[in-house]
Amino acid sequence: MGAFKIIVLVIHIIVCTGLVISVLLHAGKGGGLSSVLGGGGGGGSSLFSGSYIVEKNLDRITIVLGSTFAVTTLLLVWMLAPKGG
């Protein structure tokens, strides 16, 4: 296995772990991260509260991790696919 494949695989594993953590931190019906940090609950936070900003940044992080996950998945499929007929 080449060095590039190993690097992509390590990045993929790190991104998978981060994606699972960021999805679990999102506010669901019960509140998520905003309720842990003392916010008003899921969706009841005001525009200027700290929990709203945290949730917005968490959304951005999740989007970046999801996009990176998709790219690394496609790279791994392309690199590890059997060559030849």
Protein backbone atom coordinates (compact mmCIF):
# COMPACT_ATOMS: atom_id res chain seq x y z
CA MET A 1 0.00 0.00 0.00
CA GLY A 2 1.42 3.34 -1.01
CA ALA A 3 2.03 6.30 1.25
CA PHE A 4 -0.76 8.34 -0.37
CA LYS A 5 -3.29 5.57 0.29
CA ILE A 6 -2.26 5.39 3.93
CA ILE A 7 -2.52 9.18 4.32
CA VAL A 8 -6.01 9.23 2.77
CA LEU A 9 -7.07 6.31 4.97
CA VAL A 10 -5.85 8.03 8.15
CA ILE A 11 -7.62 11.27 7.15
CA HIS A 12 -10.77 9.25 6.43
CA ILE A 13 -10.72 7.61 9.87
CA ILE A 14 -10.20 10.97 11.62
CA VAL A 15 -13.01 12.57 9.59
CA CYS A 16 -15.35 9.63 10.35
CA THR A 17 -14.75 10.02 14.07
CA GLY A 18 -15.25 13.79 13.91
CA LEU A 19 -18.42 13.40 11.87
CA VAL A 20 -19.96 10.99 14.37
CA ILE A 21 -19.11 13.33 17.25
CA SER A 22 -20.45 16.42 15.48
CA VAL A 23 -23.72 14.69 14.58
CA LEU A 24 -24.18 13.51 18.16
CA LEU A 25 -23.62 17.05 19.44
CA HIS A 26 -26.42 18.50 17.30
CA ALA A 27 -29.68 19.52 18.90
CA GLY A 28 -32.39 16.97 18.45
CA LYS A 29 -35.79 16.92 20.06
CA GLY A 30 -34.21 17.02 23.50
CA GLY A 31 -31.79 19.90 23.02
CA GLY A 32 -28.33 18.56 22.11
CA LEU A 33 -25.33 20.81 22.62
CA SER A 34 -27.37 23.92 23.36
CA SER A 35 -28.99 22.31 26.40
CA VAL A 36 -25.64 21.04 27.66
CA LEU A 37 -24.18 24.55 27.51
CA GLY A 38 -27.13 26.09 29.32
CA GLY A 39 -29.15 27.26 26.34
CA GLY A 40 -32.90 27.45 26.27
CA GLY A 41 -33.35 24.08 24.59
CA GLY A 42 -33.79 22.98 21.02
CA GLY A 43 -34.83 25.85 18.80
CA GLY A 44 -35.94 28.24 21.55
CA SER A 45 -32.66 30.10 21.66
CA SER A 46 -32.56 33.72 20.58
CA LEU A 47 -30.54 35.05 17.70
CA PHE A 48 -27.91 36.66 19.91
CA SER A 49 -27.40 33.92 22.48
CA GLY A 50 -24.17 31.98 22.68
CA SER A 51 -25.83 28.64 22.05
CA TYR A 52 -27.18 29.85 18.69
CA ILE A 53 -23.67 30.75 17.58
CA VAL A 54 -22.32 27.39 18.76
CA GLU A 55 -25.05 25.52 16.88
CA LYS A 56 -24.40 27.54 13.71
CA ASN A 57 -20.67 26.79 13.89
CA LEU A 58 -21.43 23.14 14.59
CA ASP A 59 -23.56 23.09 11.43
CA ARG A 60 -20.63 24.46 9.41
CA ILE A 61 -18.21 21.94 10.91
CA THR A 62 -20.60 19.09 10.13
CA ILE A 63 -20.96 20.23 6.51
CA VAL A 64 -17.18 20.42 6.06
CA LEU A 65 -16.67 17.01 7.67
CA GLY A 66 -19.45 15.48 5.56
CA SER A 67 -17.95 16.87 2.35
CA THR A 68 -14.49 15.66 3.33
CA PHE A 69 -15.94 12.24 4.16
CA ALA A 70 -17.51 12.02 0.70
CA VAL A 71 -14.27 13.01 -1.05
CA THR A 72 -12.10 10.61 0.93
CA THR A 73 -14.62 7.79 0.38
CA LEU A 74 -14.51 8.33 -3.38
CA LEU A 75 -10.70 8.51 -3.32
CA LEU A 76 -10.46 5.26 -1.39
CA VAL A 77 -12.88 3.49 -3.73
CA TRP A 78 -10.90 4.70 -6.73
CA MET A 79 -7.49 3.80 -5.24
CA LEU A 80 -8.44 0.42 -3.77
CA ALA A 81 -10.53 -0.87 -6.67
CA PRO A 82 -9.10 -3.96 -8.36
CA LYS A 83 -7.12 -3.07 -11.48
CA GLY A 84 -7.62 -4.81 -14.78
CA GLY A 85 -10.43 -6.79 -16.35
